[in-house]
Amino acid sequence: MLDLIVQPGLVLPSDSLGFSAVRSSGPGGQHVNKTSSKVVLRFDLPSCPALSPEQRSLIQDRTRNRLDSLGFIQIECQATRSQHQNLEEARNLLAALLQCALRVQPPRKPTKTPARAHRRRIQDKKHRADVKRGRGKAAAD
C-alpha cells in the first residue's frame, strides 16, 4: 500500500495504515457470496510518526466518535463491487476526514445588531401588541 497524502506537508506512512477485505452485503447475486470486496481501513493514530502531538490531540478530539478502544480510526467502504476501488474510496474518505479535523477555525468576531434592525424589531413588537390588544372584548356602552 502506498503512503497517503492528506494535505501539503502531511503524508501518512503506509505502515500506519492497514486494511482488510471482508464479504460485502447488498445486491450482487452469487458474486457477492464469493468475493471479499468490502474494505475496512484502519489508521493507527496513536503511533503515527507523521503527526505532531498537537495534531494528534486535535484529531482525537474531532473524530472521537470514529475511534475504537485502541485509538484507531476505522473506515468501511463497500460502495462498489471492486476491492481496489473500495480501498481507494476508503483512503480518500480518511484523507478528507483528517483534513476536516485539522482545519483551524478562525476566531469568531462578535458583531453588534445594526441599529435599524433593532428599531424594526421593537416596532414590529409594538405593532403585534396593538393587534393583540385590539382582540379584547368590546367595551359595553
N, C-alpha and C. Protein backbone atom coordinates (compact mmCIF):
# COMPACT_ATOMS: atom_id res chain seq x y z
N MET A 1 0.85 -1.18 0.00
CA MET A 1 0.00 0.00 0.00
C MET A 1 0.89 1.24 0.00
N LEU A 2 0.46 2.27 -0.68
CA LEU A 2 1.24 3.50 -0.81
C LEU A 2 0.97 4.44 0.36
N ASP A 3 1.89 5.41 0.54
CA ASP A 3 1.68 6.45 1.53
C ASP A 3 0.46 7.28 1.14
N LEU A 4 -0.20 7.85 2.14
CA LEU A 4 -1.42 8.64 1.90
C LEU A 4 -1.12 10.12 2.08
N ILE A 5 -1.31 10.89 1.02
CA ILE A 5 -1.12 12.33 1.09
C ILE A 5 -2.42 12.96 1.58
N VAL A 6 -2.38 13.55 2.79
CA VAL A 6 -3.57 14.16 3.37
C VAL A 6 -3.69 15.60 2.91
N GLN A 7 -2.61 16.34 3.03
CA GLN A 7 -2.54 17.73 2.60
C GLN A 7 -1.07 18.06 2.38
N PRO A 8 -0.76 19.19 1.75
CA PRO A 8 0.66 19.52 1.57
C PRO A 8 1.39 19.58 2.91
N GLY A 9 2.45 18.84 3.01
CA GLY A 9 3.22 18.81 4.24
C GLY A 9 2.82 17.70 5.20
N LEU A 10 1.78 16.96 4.90
CA LEU A 10 1.35 15.85 5.78
C LEU A 10 1.11 14.61 4.93
N VAL A 11 2.01 13.65 5.08
CA VAL A 11 1.92 12.37 4.38
C VAL A 11 1.93 11.27 5.42
N LEU A 12 0.89 10.44 5.41
CA LEU A 12 0.83 9.32 6.36
C LEU A 12 1.59 8.13 5.78
N PRO A 13 2.53 7.58 6.53
CA PRO A 13 3.28 6.43 6.02
C PRO A 13 2.38 5.21 5.91
N SER A 14 2.72 4.36 4.96
CA SER A 14 1.89 3.18 4.70
C SER A 14 1.87 2.20 5.87
N ASP A 15 2.91 2.22 6.72
CA ASP A 15 2.92 1.27 7.84
C ASP A 15 1.95 1.67 8.96
N SER A 16 1.39 2.89 8.93
CA SER A 16 0.38 3.27 9.93
C SER A 16 -1.03 3.02 9.42
N LEU A 17 -1.12 2.52 8.17
CA LEU A 17 -2.41 2.16 7.58
C LEU A 17 -2.47 0.66 7.39
N GLY A 18 -3.62 0.10 7.64
CA GLY A 18 -3.82 -1.32 7.39
C GLY A 18 -5.23 -1.52 6.88
N PHE A 19 -5.43 -2.54 6.06
CA PHE A 19 -6.78 -2.79 5.59
C PHE A 19 -7.04 -4.27 5.55
N SER A 20 -8.32 -4.60 5.65
CA SER A 20 -8.74 -5.98 5.49
C SER A 20 -9.95 -5.98 4.58
N ALA A 21 -10.11 -7.05 3.85
CA ALA A 21 -11.24 -7.20 2.94
C ALA A 21 -12.17 -8.25 3.52
N VAL A 22 -13.44 -7.91 3.56
CA VAL A 22 -14.45 -8.82 4.09
C VAL A 22 -15.60 -8.92 3.09
N ARG A 23 -16.48 -9.85 3.34
CA ARG A 23 -17.61 -10.04 2.44
C ARG A 23 -18.57 -8.88 2.56
N SER A 24 -19.00 -8.39 1.44
CA SER A 24 -19.89 -7.24 1.38
C SER A 24 -21.33 -7.71 1.43
N SER A 25 -22.21 -6.81 1.84
CA SER A 25 -23.63 -7.13 1.84
C SER A 25 -24.29 -6.38 0.69
N GLY A 26 -25.53 -6.69 0.42
CA GLY A 26 -26.27 -5.97 -0.59
C GLY A 26 -26.37 -6.74 -1.89
N PRO A 27 -26.88 -6.07 -2.94
CA PRO A 27 -27.11 -6.76 -4.20
C PRO A 27 -25.81 -7.16 -4.89
N GLY A 28 -25.89 -8.14 -5.73
CA GLY A 28 -24.71 -8.58 -6.45
C GLY A 28 -24.80 -10.04 -6.85
N GLY A 29 -25.87 -10.69 -6.44
CA GLY A 29 -26.07 -12.09 -6.84
C GLY A 29 -25.04 -13.00 -6.21
N GLN A 30 -24.67 -14.03 -6.95
CA GLN A 30 -23.75 -15.02 -6.44
C GLN A 30 -22.35 -14.44 -6.25
N HIS A 31 -22.02 -13.42 -7.01
CA HIS A 31 -20.69 -12.81 -6.93
C HIS A 31 -20.39 -12.30 -5.52
N VAL A 32 -21.39 -11.72 -4.86
CA VAL A 32 -21.18 -11.14 -3.54
C VAL A 32 -20.92 -12.23 -2.50
N ASN A 33 -21.35 -13.45 -2.79
CA ASN A 33 -21.12 -14.55 -1.85
C ASN A 33 -19.75 -15.19 -2.01
N LYS A 34 -19.05 -14.86 -3.09
CA LYS A 34 -17.77 -15.50 -3.37
C LYS A 34 -16.57 -14.59 -3.15
N THR A 35 -16.77 -13.27 -3.20
CA THR A 35 -15.64 -12.36 -3.14
C THR A 35 -15.71 -11.47 -1.91
N SER A 36 -14.57 -11.02 -1.49
CA SER A 36 -14.47 -10.10 -0.36
C SER A 36 -14.14 -8.72 -0.92
N SER A 37 -15.19 -7.94 -1.19
CA SER A 37 -14.96 -6.64 -1.83
C SER A 37 -15.09 -5.47 -0.85
N LYS A 38 -15.71 -5.68 0.30
CA LYS A 38 -15.82 -4.61 1.29
C LYS A 38 -14.45 -4.40 1.94
N VAL A 39 -14.06 -3.14 2.09
CA VAL A 39 -12.76 -2.82 2.65
C VAL A 39 -12.93 -2.12 3.98
N VAL A 40 -12.16 -2.55 4.98
CA VAL A 40 -12.10 -1.90 6.28
C VAL A 40 -10.68 -1.37 6.43
N LEU A 41 -10.56 -0.04 6.41
CA LEU A 41 -9.27 0.63 6.51
C LEU A 41 -9.07 1.09 7.94
N ARG A 42 -7.92 0.76 8.53
CA ARG A 42 -7.61 1.15 9.91
C ARG A 42 -6.38 2.05 9.91
N PHE A 43 -6.51 3.17 10.61
CA PHE A 43 -5.41 4.13 10.73
C PHE A 43 -4.95 4.15 12.18
N ASP A 44 -3.66 3.88 12.40
CA ASP A 44 -3.08 3.82 13.73
C ASP A 44 -2.72 5.24 14.18
N LEU A 45 -3.68 5.92 14.76
CA LEU A 45 -3.49 7.31 15.19
C LEU A 45 -2.48 7.46 16.32
N PRO A 46 -2.52 6.62 17.38
CA PRO A 46 -1.60 6.84 18.50
C PRO A 46 -0.12 6.73 18.16
N SER A 47 0.24 5.90 17.20
CA SER A 47 1.67 5.71 16.93
C SER A 47 2.09 6.18 15.54
N CYS A 48 1.34 7.08 14.94
CA CYS A 48 1.71 7.60 13.62
C CYS A 48 2.84 8.62 13.78
N PRO A 49 4.00 8.38 13.15
CA PRO A 49 5.13 9.30 13.34
C PRO A 49 4.99 10.62 12.55
N ALA A 50 4.07 10.68 11.61
CA ALA A 50 3.94 11.88 10.77
C ALA A 50 3.18 13.00 11.47
N LEU A 51 2.49 12.68 12.58
CA LEU A 51 1.67 13.67 13.26
C LEU A 51 2.37 14.23 14.49
N SER A 52 2.24 15.52 14.69
CA SER A 52 2.76 16.13 15.91
C SER A 52 1.76 15.86 17.04
N PRO A 53 2.19 16.00 18.29
CA PRO A 53 1.26 15.77 19.40
C PRO A 53 0.03 16.70 19.35
N GLU A 54 0.21 17.94 18.87
CA GLU A 54 -0.93 18.86 18.75
C GLU A 54 -1.92 18.36 17.71
N GLN A 55 -1.40 17.91 16.56
CA GLN A 55 -2.27 17.39 15.51
C GLN A 55 -2.99 16.13 15.98
N ARG A 56 -2.27 15.28 16.69
CA ARG A 56 -2.85 14.03 17.18
C ARG A 56 -4.01 14.31 18.15
N SER A 57 -3.80 15.27 19.08
CA SER A 57 -4.87 15.57 20.03
C SER A 57 -6.05 16.25 19.34
N LEU A 58 -5.78 17.08 18.33
CA LEU A 58 -6.84 17.73 17.57
C LEU A 58 -7.68 16.69 16.83
N ILE A 59 -7.02 15.73 16.21
CA ILE A 59 -7.74 14.67 15.50
C ILE A 59 -8.54 13.82 16.48
N GLN A 60 -7.96 13.49 17.64
CA GLN A 60 -8.67 12.70 18.63
C GLN A 60 -9.93 13.40 19.10
N ASP A 61 -9.83 14.71 19.34
CA ASP A 61 -10.99 15.46 19.82
C ASP A 61 -12.09 15.54 18.78
N ARG A 62 -11.71 15.75 17.52
CA ARG A 62 -12.71 15.98 16.48
C ARG A 62 -13.24 14.71 15.82
N THR A 63 -12.57 13.59 16.02
CA THR A 63 -13.06 12.33 15.46
C THR A 63 -13.34 11.32 16.57
N ARG A 64 -13.75 11.81 17.71
CA ARG A 64 -13.97 10.96 18.88
C ARG A 64 -14.95 9.82 18.60
N ASN A 65 -15.99 10.08 17.79
CA ASN A 65 -16.99 9.05 17.53
C ASN A 65 -16.51 7.98 16.56
N ARG A 66 -15.39 8.16 15.90
CA ARG A 66 -14.86 7.17 14.97
C ARG A 66 -13.71 6.36 15.56
N LEU A 67 -13.26 6.68 16.75
CA LEU A 67 -12.12 5.98 17.35
C LEU A 67 -12.59 4.71 18.04
N ASP A 68 -11.78 3.65 17.94
CA ASP A 68 -12.08 2.44 18.70
C ASP A 68 -11.34 2.49 20.03
N SER A 69 -11.38 1.42 20.79
CA SER A 69 -10.79 1.42 22.14
C SER A 69 -9.27 1.57 22.13
N LEU A 70 -8.61 1.22 21.03
CA LEU A 70 -7.16 1.35 20.94
C LEU A 70 -6.72 2.68 20.34
N GLY A 71 -7.68 3.51 19.91
CA GLY A 71 -7.36 4.80 19.31
C GLY A 71 -7.21 4.76 17.81
N PHE A 72 -7.59 3.66 17.18
CA PHE A 72 -7.52 3.52 15.73
C PHE A 72 -8.76 4.15 15.11
N ILE A 73 -8.58 4.77 13.96
CA ILE A 73 -9.71 5.26 13.17
C ILE A 73 -10.03 4.19 12.14
N GLN A 74 -11.29 3.81 12.06
CA GLN A 74 -11.69 2.74 11.16
C GLN A 74 -12.69 3.29 10.14
N ILE A 75 -12.41 3.06 8.86
CA ILE A 75 -13.26 3.50 7.76
C ILE A 75 -13.69 2.26 6.98
N GLU A 76 -14.99 2.10 6.76
CA GLU A 76 -15.51 0.98 5.98
C GLU A 76 -16.06 1.51 4.66
N CYS A 77 -15.82 0.77 3.59
CA CYS A 77 -16.32 1.17 2.28
C CYS A 77 -16.75 -0.06 1.51
N GLN A 78 -17.99 -0.05 1.04
CA GLN A 78 -18.49 -1.13 0.19
C GLN A 78 -19.34 -0.55 -0.95
N ALA A 79 -18.92 0.62 -1.43
CA ALA A 79 -19.69 1.34 -2.45
C ALA A 79 -19.69 0.63 -3.80
N THR A 80 -18.61 -0.04 -4.14
CA THR A 80 -18.54 -0.70 -5.44
C THR A 80 -18.29 -2.20 -5.24
N ARG A 81 -18.30 -2.92 -6.35
CA ARG A 81 -18.04 -4.37 -6.28
C ARG A 81 -16.56 -4.69 -6.40
N SER A 82 -15.74 -3.64 -6.56
CA SER A 82 -14.30 -3.84 -6.72
C SER A 82 -13.58 -3.53 -5.42
N GLN A 83 -12.76 -4.45 -4.98
CA GLN A 83 -11.99 -4.24 -3.75
C GLN A 83 -11.02 -3.07 -3.91
N HIS A 84 -10.40 -2.95 -5.07
CA HIS A 84 -9.43 -1.87 -5.30
C HIS A 84 -10.11 -0.51 -5.28
N GLN A 85 -11.27 -0.39 -5.91
CA GLN A 85 -11.99 0.88 -5.89
C GLN A 85 -12.46 1.23 -4.49
N ASN A 86 -12.91 0.23 -3.75
CA ASN A 86 -13.33 0.47 -2.37
C ASN A 86 -12.16 0.91 -1.49
N LEU A 87 -10.98 0.34 -1.74
CA LEU A 87 -9.80 0.74 -0.98
C LEU A 87 -9.44 2.20 -1.29
N GLU A 88 -9.47 2.57 -2.56
CA GLU A 88 -9.18 3.96 -2.94
C GLU A 88 -10.21 4.91 -2.32
N GLU A 89 -11.48 4.52 -2.35
CA GLU A 89 -12.53 5.36 -1.77
C GLU A 89 -12.34 5.50 -0.26
N ALA A 90 -11.96 4.43 0.42
CA ALA A 90 -11.72 4.49 1.86
C ALA A 90 -10.52 5.39 2.17
N ARG A 91 -9.48 5.31 1.36
CA ARG A 91 -8.31 6.18 1.56
C ARG A 91 -8.69 7.65 1.36
N ASN A 92 -9.52 7.92 0.34
CA ASN A 92 -9.98 9.30 0.10
C ASN A 92 -10.84 9.79 1.26
N LEU A 93 -11.70 8.92 1.78
CA LEU A 93 -12.54 9.29 2.92
C LEU A 93 -11.69 9.60 4.15
N LEU A 94 -10.66 8.80 4.39
CA LEU A 94 -9.77 9.05 5.53
C LEU A 94 -9.04 10.37 5.36
N ALA A 95 -8.53 10.64 4.16
CA ALA A 95 -7.83 11.90 3.91
C ALA A 95 -8.76 13.09 4.13
N ALA A 96 -10.01 12.99 3.65
CA ALA A 96 -10.97 14.08 3.82
C ALA A 96 -11.32 14.27 5.29
N LEU A 97 -11.46 13.17 6.02
CA LEU A 97 -11.76 13.25 7.45
C LEU A 97 -10.63 13.93 8.21
N LEU A 98 -9.40 13.58 7.91
CA LEU A 98 -8.25 14.18 8.59
C LEU A 98 -8.07 15.65 8.19
N GLN A 99 -8.31 15.98 6.93
CA GLN A 99 -8.25 17.39 6.51
C GLN A 99 -9.26 18.23 7.28
N CYS A 100 -10.46 17.70 7.41
CA CYS A 100 -11.51 18.42 8.13
C CYS A 100 -11.16 18.56 9.60
N ALA A 101 -10.59 17.51 10.19
CA ALA A 101 -10.24 17.55 11.61
C ALA A 101 -9.09 18.49 11.89
N LEU A 102 -8.18 18.66 10.93
CA LEU A 102 -7.01 19.51 11.14
C LEU A 102 -7.24 20.96 10.73
N ARG A 103 -8.40 21.26 10.14
CA ARG A 103 -8.69 22.62 9.72
C ARG A 103 -8.85 23.51 10.96
N VAL A 104 -8.13 24.59 10.98
CA VAL A 104 -8.17 25.51 12.12
C VAL A 104 -9.29 26.52 11.89
N GLN A 105 -10.19 26.60 12.86
CA GLN A 105 -11.31 27.54 12.76
C GLN A 105 -10.84 28.94 13.11
N PRO A 106 -11.14 29.94 12.29
CA PRO A 106 -10.77 31.30 12.64
C PRO A 106 -11.58 31.77 13.84
N PRO A 107 -11.00 32.60 14.69
CA PRO A 107 -11.75 33.06 15.85
C PRO A 107 -12.95 33.90 15.43
N ARG A 108 -14.04 33.74 16.13
CA ARG A 108 -15.26 34.45 15.80
C ARG A 108 -15.17 35.88 16.30
N LYS A 109 -15.56 36.81 15.43
CA LYS A 109 -15.58 38.21 15.83
C LYS A 109 -17.02 38.56 16.19
N PRO A 110 -17.27 38.91 17.45
CA PRO A 110 -18.64 39.26 17.81
C PRO A 110 -19.09 40.53 17.09
N THR A 111 -20.31 40.53 16.61
CA THR A 111 -20.83 41.68 15.90
C THR A 111 -22.01 42.26 16.66
N LYS A 112 -22.29 43.53 16.42
CA LYS A 112 -23.44 44.18 17.03
C LYS A 112 -24.62 44.12 16.08
N THR A 113 -25.81 44.11 16.65
CA THR A 113 -27.00 44.19 15.84
C THR A 113 -27.10 45.61 15.29
N PRO A 114 -27.35 45.78 14.01
CA PRO A 114 -27.48 47.13 13.47
C PRO A 114 -28.63 47.88 14.13
N ALA A 115 -28.47 49.19 14.29
CA ALA A 115 -29.48 49.99 14.96
C ALA A 115 -30.82 49.92 14.23
N ARG A 116 -30.79 49.90 12.90
CA ARG A 116 -32.03 49.85 12.14
C ARG A 116 -32.78 48.55 12.41
N ALA A 117 -32.06 47.43 12.48
CA ALA A 117 -32.70 46.14 12.77
C ALA A 117 -33.30 46.14 14.16
N HIS A 118 -32.62 46.75 15.11
CA HIS A 118 -33.14 46.83 16.48
C HIS A 118 -34.43 47.65 16.50
N ARG A 119 -34.43 48.83 15.84
CA ARG A 119 -35.63 49.67 15.78
C ARG A 119 -36.78 48.93 15.11
N ARG A 120 -36.49 48.19 14.03
CA ARG A 120 -37.52 47.46 13.30
C ARG A 120 -38.12 46.36 14.18
N ARG A 121 -37.29 45.68 14.95
CA ARG A 121 -37.79 44.62 15.84
C ARG A 121 -38.72 45.19 16.90
N ILE A 122 -38.34 46.32 17.50
CA ILE A 122 -39.18 46.96 18.52
C ILE A 122 -40.49 47.43 17.90
N GLN A 123 -40.40 48.00 16.71
CA GLN A 123 -41.60 48.48 16.01
C GLN A 123 -42.55 47.31 15.72
N ASP A 124 -42.02 46.18 15.25
CA ASP A 124 -42.85 45.00 14.98
C ASP A 124 -43.49 44.46 16.25
N LYS A 125 -42.75 44.49 17.36
CA LYS A 125 -43.31 44.02 18.63
C LYS A 125 -44.47 44.91 19.07
N LYS A 126 -44.30 46.22 18.92
CA LYS A 126 -45.37 47.14 19.31
C LYS A 126 -46.60 46.95 18.43
N HIS A 127 -46.38 46.75 17.14
CA HIS A 127 -47.50 46.52 16.23
C HIS A 127 -48.24 45.24 16.61
N ARG A 128 -47.51 44.16 16.89
CA ARG A 128 -48.11 42.88 17.29
C ARG A 128 -48.89 43.05 18.60
N ALA A 129 -48.36 43.83 19.54
CA ALA A 129 -49.05 44.09 20.81
C ALA A 129 -50.35 44.84 20.57
N ASP A 130 -50.34 45.82 19.66
CA ASP A 130 -51.56 46.57 19.33
C ASP A 130 -52.61 45.65 18.71
N VAL A 131 -52.17 44.75 17.82
CA VAL A 131 -53.11 43.80 17.21
C VAL A 131 -53.75 42.93 18.27
N LYS A 132 -52.93 42.42 19.19
CA LYS A 132 -53.47 41.54 20.23
C LYS A 132 -54.36 42.29 21.21
N ARG A 133 -54.00 43.55 21.50
CA ARG A 133 -54.80 44.37 22.40
C ARG A 133 -56.18 44.63 21.79
N GLY A 134 -56.23 44.77 20.47
CA GLY A 134 -57.49 45.03 19.77
C GLY A 134 -58.41 43.82 19.75
N ARG A 135 -57.93 42.66 20.13
CA ARG A 135 -58.76 41.44 20.12
C ARG A 135 -59.58 41.29 21.39
N GLY A 136 -59.41 42.18 22.33
CA GLY A 136 -60.13 42.06 23.60
C GLY A 136 -61.62 42.26 23.43
N LYS A 137 -62.38 42.09 24.52
CA LYS A 137 -63.82 42.27 24.49
C LYS A 137 -64.15 43.74 24.24
N ALA A 138 -65.22 43.94 23.51
CA ALA A 138 -65.65 45.30 23.22
C ALA A 138 -66.21 45.92 24.50
N ALA A 139 -65.97 47.21 24.67
CA ALA A 139 -66.46 47.92 25.86
C ALA A 139 -67.98 48.07 25.78
N ALA A 140 -68.66 47.87 26.89
CA ALA A 140 -70.12 47.98 26.94
C ALA A 140 -70.50 49.45 26.99
N ASP A 141 -71.50 49.87 26.21
CA ASP A 141 -71.93 51.27 26.18
C ASP A 141 -72.91 51.57 27.27
